[in-house]
Amino acid sequence: MSIEKCTFPGKNNLYFPVTIITGVCRSGKTLLGNLLATCTDVEYADEPYTGMLLPMVAHTGKLDQQFAGEWLATYFCELFNDLLLLRRANFRPEDLSSIWTKKQPQEIFWRLTRLNTRHDVEQYARENCSKLIVTLSQCLPFIKFIMQSLPGAKTVHVVRKGYDVAGDVEAKKWFSDEQLLRPKNAQLYRKYEYAGSTWHLPWWVDEGEEKYFLSLSDFERGLYYWWALMKKGSDALRECDCNEILVHYEDLLDHPEEVFKRVCRDLELTPGPLSGMKLAEIRANSSINPPAIEPRLKKRVQDIYLEVGYL
């Protein structure tokens, strides 16, 4: 058989429950993910590059949809195996993603000495009803493809006020002229010739709105980013007809125990020994006062605010 006719084992090897935490960057996905990672028998991965890129590339048509779907499912199986074997663990104590903030030393050392093979992993996972939780930024527009590739997966959609996201994006200079002319982030771009320069526009900038996007301030570009992904994500959720768990970032900061309890109930998770410590680290919310916004963009944002319960 030629390699062109081959595929991946895919969903046939998904013997564990999968939960996808999705949303716009700077919306609180990692905060919630690190909190849920303290639950017993949860394996957690924050924004694995392959997992985020495959749904985007599949959407472009550059990959066969079925082939890409089997690839995504197989990748999650491999990811789950590596997580349980602690091959992807971050042992740096000061990092937010440190394994020491999620698992107790006894469990860490037991796994390092007792789990060695795929058979060990599968047996351990089945005996303990282990679950996989993964954050995928900017992937909500492709949620239908993800759900078809990962049958039975659950979705947690974390949302944050667009003005606050835009403030963070502006501070990080993600969509500054310098970044758009000489991009450093490993994201999908399309080239656009304008004003004698080659711009690298993010994939979520709608065709026909290139000049409009470039005319915006850095803050407004961050707001356009929030609006574009929220709008595309909302449309995809309606088409997918999946029952996502909605979490407002502001509620997570202001009432962390209540939100944690609700999400654990919906995902059938049990808080672990380190959950209380992680909850105690969460601080109250504060929002920025936005500057004057371009009228068309402001109306777009208000429409999304109304849809997700901010107005």
Protein backbone atom coordinates (compact mmCIF):
# COMPACT_ATOMS: atom_id res chain seq x y z
CA MET A 1 0.00 0.00 0.00
CA SER A 2 1.31 3.49 -0.84
CA ILE A 3 1.72 6.01 1.95
CA GLU A 4 -0.78 8.32 0.23
CA LYS A 5 -3.55 5.89 1.23
CA CYS A 6 -2.51 5.68 4.89
CA THR A 7 -4.17 7.40 7.81
CA PHE A 8 -3.94 7.53 11.62
CA PRO A 9 -5.73 5.31 14.19
CA GLY A 10 -7.43 8.46 15.49
CA LYS A 11 -10.62 8.26 17.52
CA ASN A 12 -10.36 4.45 17.82
CA ASN A 13 -7.74 4.97 20.55
CA LEU A 14 -9.65 7.59 22.55
CA TYR A 15 -10.39 5.52 25.63
CA PHE A 16 -10.40 8.58 27.96
CA PRO A 17 -12.72 11.63 28.28
CA VAL A 18 -11.51 14.87 26.66
CA THR A 19 -12.41 18.44 27.59
CA ILE A 20 -11.42 21.42 25.44
CA ILE A 21 -11.09 24.85 27.07
CA THR A 22 -11.31 27.45 24.35
CA GLY A 23 -11.60 31.20 23.96
CA VAL A 24 -9.71 34.30 22.93
CA CYS A 25 -6.16 34.80 24.21
CA ARG A 26 -5.97 36.73 27.50
CA SER A 27 -9.47 35.54 28.44
CA GLY A 28 -8.56 33.33 31.42
CA LYS A 29 -8.31 29.89 29.79
CA THR A 30 -4.96 29.10 31.38
CA LEU A 31 -6.15 30.35 34.76
CA LEU A 32 -9.11 27.98 34.66
CA GLY A 33 -7.02 25.18 33.15
CA ASN A 34 -4.38 25.36 35.89
CA LEU A 35 -7.17 25.28 38.47
CA LEU A 36 -8.89 22.23 36.95
CA ALA A 37 -5.49 20.54 36.64
CA THR A 38 -5.42 20.26 40.44
CA CYS A 39 -8.40 17.89 40.34
CA THR A 40 -7.75 14.22 40.89
CA ASP A 41 -6.97 12.11 37.82
CA VAL A 42 -6.79 15.08 35.43
CA GLU A 43 -4.04 15.39 32.83
CA TYR A 44 -3.68 18.95 31.55
CA ALA A 45 -1.93 20.57 28.57
CA ASP A 46 -1.89 24.30 27.97
CA GLU A 47 -2.06 25.35 24.31
CA PRO A 48 -0.15 22.52 22.60
CA TYR A 49 0.94 23.96 19.27
CA THR A 50 -0.04 20.99 17.08
CA GLY A 51 -3.45 20.75 18.71
CA MET A 52 -4.16 24.42 18.00
CA LEU A 53 -2.77 24.51 14.48
CA LEU A 54 -4.40 21.37 13.04
CA PRO A 55 -8.01 22.66 13.20
CA MET A 56 -6.93 25.93 11.55
CA VAL A 57 -5.01 24.20 8.77
CA ALA A 58 -7.84 21.74 8.18
CA HIS A 59 -10.19 24.69 7.73
CA THR A 60 -8.00 26.10 4.94
CA GLY A 61 -8.54 22.98 2.84
CA LYS A 62 -4.81 22.30 2.66
CA LEU A 63 -5.45 19.00 4.46
CA ASP A 64 -8.15 16.42 3.83
CA GLN A 65 -10.74 16.86 6.61
CA GLN A 66 -10.96 13.19 7.54
CA PHE A 67 -7.18 12.79 7.50
CA ALA A 68 -6.74 15.91 9.66
CA GLY A 69 -9.42 14.72 12.08
CA GLU A 70 -7.77 11.34 12.56
CA TRP A 71 -4.44 13.12 13.00
CA LEU A 72 -5.89 15.39 15.69
CA ALA A 73 -7.40 12.46 17.61
CA THR A 74 -4.15 10.49 17.36
CA TYR A 75 -2.19 13.51 18.54
CA PHE A 76 -4.40 13.76 21.63
CA CYS A 77 -3.79 10.08 22.35
CA GLU A 78 -0.03 10.63 22.15
CA LEU A 79 -0.33 13.77 24.27
CA PHE A 80 -2.29 11.90 26.95
CA ASN A 81 0.33 9.16 27.03
CA ASP A 82 3.18 11.68 27.41
CA LEU A 83 1.35 13.60 30.13
CA LEU A 84 0.72 10.52 32.25
CA LEU A 85 4.35 9.48 31.86
CA LEU A 86 5.37 13.04 32.85
CA ARG A 87 7.36 13.43 29.65
CA ARG A 88 5.84 16.89 29.19
CA ALA A 89 5.95 17.92 32.85
CA ASN A 90 7.45 21.27 33.81
CA PHE A 91 9.49 20.74 36.97
CA ARG A 92 10.57 24.39 37.33
CA PRO A 93 9.08 25.38 40.73
CA GLU A 94 8.58 29.09 39.91
CA ASP A 95 6.70 28.63 36.63
CA LEU A 96 2.92 28.93 36.55
CA SER A 97 2.75 25.64 34.64
CA SER A 98 4.89 23.79 37.20
CA ILE A 99 3.82 20.21 37.90
CA TRP A 100 4.40 20.85 41.61
CA THR A 101 1.34 23.15 41.70
CA LYS A 102 -0.92 20.41 40.30
CA LYS A 103 0.26 17.06 41.65
CA GLN A 104 1.56 16.05 45.05
CA PRO A 105 5.17 14.77 45.31
CA GLN A 106 4.02 11.26 46.21
CA GLU A 107 2.03 10.94 42.98
CA ILE A 108 4.82 12.46 40.88
CA PHE A 109 7.47 10.07 42.20
CA TRP A 110 5.10 7.08 41.94
CA ARG A 111 4.50 7.80 38.27
CA LEU A 112 8.19 8.36 37.56
CA THR A 113 9.07 4.96 38.99
CA ARG A 114 6.00 2.82 38.24
CA LEU A 115 4.64 3.95 34.84
CA ASN A 116 6.92 2.96 31.97
CA THR A 117 4.94 1.67 29.00
CA ARG A 118 1.77 2.41 27.04
CA HIS A 119 0.21 -0.64 28.67
CA ASP A 120 1.01 0.84 32.10
CA VAL A 121 -0.57 4.14 31.07
CA GLU A 122 -3.77 2.62 29.72
CA GLN A 123 -4.20 0.35 32.72
CA TYR A 124 -3.60 3.24 35.14
CA ALA A 125 -5.93 5.56 33.22
CA ARG A 126 -8.77 3.03 33.08
CA GLU A 127 -8.44 2.13 36.77
CA ASN A 128 -8.44 5.79 37.82
CA CYS A 129 -10.87 7.16 35.20
CA SER A 130 -8.22 9.65 34.07
CA LYS A 131 -9.33 12.61 31.97
CA LEU A 132 -7.59 14.93 29.53
CA ILE A 133 -8.14 18.70 29.64
CA VAL A 134 -6.55 20.88 26.96
CA THR A 135 -6.68 24.63 26.33
CA LEU A 136 -6.83 25.61 22.66
CA SER A 137 -6.59 29.33 21.92
CA GLN A 138 -8.38 30.81 18.91
CA CYS A 139 -9.92 27.44 17.98
CA LEU A 140 -13.58 28.07 18.78
CA PRO A 141 -14.36 28.90 15.10
CA PHE A 142 -13.36 25.31 14.30
CA ILE A 143 -15.28 23.67 17.12
CA LYS A 144 -17.41 21.55 14.76
CA PHE A 145 -14.30 19.94 13.29
CA ILE A 146 -12.86 19.39 16.78
CA MET A 147 -16.04 17.76 18.08
CA GLN A 148 -16.28 15.50 15.05
CA SER A 149 -12.64 14.47 15.54
CA LEU A 150 -13.04 13.90 19.29
CA PRO A 151 -16.44 12.22 19.78
CA GLY A 152 -17.93 12.82 23.21
CA ALA A 153 -15.56 15.67 24.05
CA LYS A 154 -16.86 18.52 26.19
CA THR A 155 -16.23 22.24 25.62
CA VAL A 156 -15.62 24.99 28.14
CA HIS A 157 -15.79 28.47 26.60
CA VAL A 158 -14.07 31.15 28.68
CA VAL A 159 -15.04 34.73 27.79
CA ARG A 160 -13.71 38.06 29.02
CA LYS A 161 -14.78 41.62 28.28
CA GLY A 162 -13.35 42.74 24.97
CA TYR A 163 -12.02 46.06 26.25
CA ASP A 164 -9.95 44.29 28.91
CA VAL A 165 -8.59 41.79 26.37
CA ALA A 166 -7.72 44.67 24.04
CA GLY A 167 -5.83 46.42 26.84
CA ASP A 168 -3.67 43.33 27.41
CA VAL A 169 -3.12 42.86 23.68
CA GLU A 170 -2.06 46.48 23.27
CA ALA A 171 0.42 46.17 26.14
CA LYS A 172 1.96 43.07 24.55
CA LYS A 173 2.15 44.80 21.14
CA TRP A 174 0.78 41.70 19.42
CA PHE A 175 -0.72 43.65 16.51
CA SER A 176 1.58 46.65 16.37
CA ASP A 177 2.95 47.76 13.00
CA GLU A 178 6.30 46.24 13.90
CA GLN A 179 4.75 42.84 14.61
CA LEU A 180 2.57 42.87 11.48
CA LEU A 181 5.51 43.83 9.26
CA ARG A 182 8.01 41.41 10.86
CA PRO A 183 5.97 38.78 12.75
CA LYS A 184 7.68 36.77 15.47
CA ASN A 185 4.73 34.70 16.67
CA ALA A 186 4.33 31.28 15.05
CA GLN A 187 0.76 31.89 13.90
CA LEU A 188 -1.08 31.72 10.57
CA TYR A 189 -0.79 34.90 8.50
CA ARG A 190 -1.64 36.01 4.99
CA LYS A 191 0.48 38.54 3.17
CA TYR A 192 -1.10 41.84 2.16
CA GLU A 193 0.59 44.54 0.10
CA TYR A 194 -0.28 48.02 1.32
CA ALA A 195 1.41 51.44 1.37
CA GLY A 196 4.56 50.02 -0.18
CA SER A 197 5.01 47.35 2.49
CA THR A 198 4.19 43.67 2.94
CA TRP A 199 1.94 43.19 5.97
CA HIS A 200 1.35 39.83 7.65
CA LEU A 201 -2.30 39.89 8.64
CA PRO A 202 -3.72 37.34 11.08
CA TRP A 203 -6.06 34.77 9.54
CA TRP A 204 -9.09 36.18 11.38
CA VAL A 205 -8.99 39.57 9.61
CA ASP A 206 -11.89 39.37 7.15
CA GLU A 207 -11.15 39.79 3.46
CA GLY A 208 -12.07 43.30 2.37
CA GLU A 209 -11.27 44.72 5.83
CA GLU A 210 -7.49 44.74 5.55
CA LYS A 211 -7.17 48.51 5.18
CA TYR A 212 -9.78 49.07 7.86
CA PHE A 213 -7.86 46.85 10.31
CA LEU A 214 -4.57 48.60 9.56
CA SER A 215 -6.20 52.00 10.09
CA LEU A 216 -7.08 51.11 13.69
CA SER A 217 -5.01 51.94 16.76
CA ASP A 218 -3.17 49.11 18.56
CA PHE A 219 -5.94 49.03 21.17
CA GLU A 220 -8.64 48.87 18.49
CA ARG A 221 -6.79 46.11 16.66
CA GLY A 222 -6.87 44.12 19.89
CA LEU A 223 -10.59 44.81 20.13
CA TYR A 224 -11.10 43.73 16.50
CA TYR A 225 -9.22 40.52 17.33
CA TRP A 226 -11.60 39.86 20.24
CA TRP A 227 -14.68 40.65 18.16
CA ALA A 228 -13.59 38.60 15.13
CA LEU A 229 -12.91 35.42 17.12
CA MET A 230 -15.97 35.83 19.33
CA LYS A 231 -18.20 36.35 16.27
CA LYS A 232 -16.73 33.45 14.32
CA GLY A 233 -16.84 31.28 17.44
CA SER A 234 -20.45 32.13 18.18
CA ASP A 235 -21.45 31.26 14.61
CA ALA A 236 -19.56 27.96 14.85
CA LEU A 237 -21.22 27.03 18.13
CA ARG A 238 -24.66 27.51 16.63
CA GLU A 239 -23.74 25.35 13.65
CA CYS A 240 -22.16 22.71 15.86
CA ASP A 241 -25.12 22.63 18.26
CA CYS A 242 -22.87 21.52 21.12
CA ASN A 243 -23.65 22.33 24.73
CA GLU A 244 -20.62 24.31 25.83
CA ILE A 245 -19.98 25.30 29.45
CA LEU A 246 -19.76 29.09 29.52
CA VAL A 247 -17.43 30.71 32.06
CA HIS A 248 -17.06 34.47 32.45
CA TYR A 249 -13.53 35.47 33.42
CA GLU A 250 -14.90 38.14 35.73
CA ASP A 251 -16.99 35.55 37.63
CA LEU A 252 -13.94 33.30 37.93
CA LEU A 253 -11.98 36.11 39.59
CA ASP A 254 -14.76 37.46 41.77
CA HIS A 255 -16.33 34.12 42.79
CA PRO A 256 -13.68 31.43 42.13
CA GLU A 257 -15.09 28.81 44.51
CA GLU A 258 -18.56 28.99 42.98
CA VAL A 259 -17.30 28.81 39.39
CA PHE A 260 -14.89 25.98 40.23
CA LYS A 261 -17.64 23.99 41.91
CA ARG A 262 -20.00 24.46 38.94
CA VAL A 263 -17.42 23.47 36.33
CA CYS A 264 -16.32 20.46 38.38
CA ARG A 265 -19.93 19.32 38.62
CA ASP A 266 -20.50 19.70 34.87
CA LEU A 267 -17.26 17.89 33.99
CA GLU A 268 -17.62 15.28 36.75
CA LEU A 269 -14.31 16.26 38.36
CA THR A 270 -13.21 15.85 41.97
CA PRO A 271 -11.12 18.63 43.59
CA GLY A 272 -7.67 17.47 44.62
CA PRO A 273 -5.39 18.21 47.59
CA LEU A 274 -3.91 21.30 45.88
CA SER A 275 -7.19 22.79 44.61
CA GLY A 276 -7.71 24.96 47.70
CA MET A 277 -4.25 26.47 47.41
CA LYS A 278 -4.81 27.35 43.74
CA LEU A 279 -8.19 28.89 44.53
CA ALA A 280 -6.61 31.06 47.23
CA GLU A 281 -4.23 32.56 44.65
CA ILE A 282 -7.04 34.01 42.52
CA ARG A 283 -7.51 37.74 42.96
CA ALA A 284 -10.55 40.00 42.45
CA ASN A 285 -11.32 41.42 39.03
CA SER A 286 -10.69 44.95 37.77
CA SER A 287 -11.65 46.39 34.36
CA ILE A 288 -10.17 49.23 32.34
CA ASN A 289 -11.94 52.35 31.12
CA PRO A 290 -11.72 52.08 27.32
CA PRO A 291 -10.67 55.04 25.15
CA ALA A 292 -12.79 56.37 22.30
CA ILE A 293 -13.48 53.53 19.87
CA GLU A 294 -14.11 53.66 16.12
CA PRO A 295 -17.96 53.64 15.84
CA ARG A 296 -18.37 50.59 13.60
CA LEU A 297 -16.07 48.50 15.80
CA LYS A 298 -17.82 49.73 18.96
CA LYS A 299 -21.20 48.58 17.60
CA ARG A 300 -19.77 45.17 16.76
CA VAL A 301 -18.40 44.78 20.27
CA GLN A 302 -21.69 45.83 21.85
CA ASP A 303 -23.53 43.15 19.84
CA ILE A 304 -21.21 40.46 21.20
CA TYR A 305 -21.44 41.90 24.73
CA LEU A 306 -25.21 41.50 24.52
CA GLU A 307 -24.93 37.93 23.24
CA VAL A 308 -22.60 36.72 26.02
CA GLY A 309 -24.32 38.56 28.86
CA TYR A 310 -22.22 41.69 29.39
CA LEU A 311 -25.10 44.07 28.56
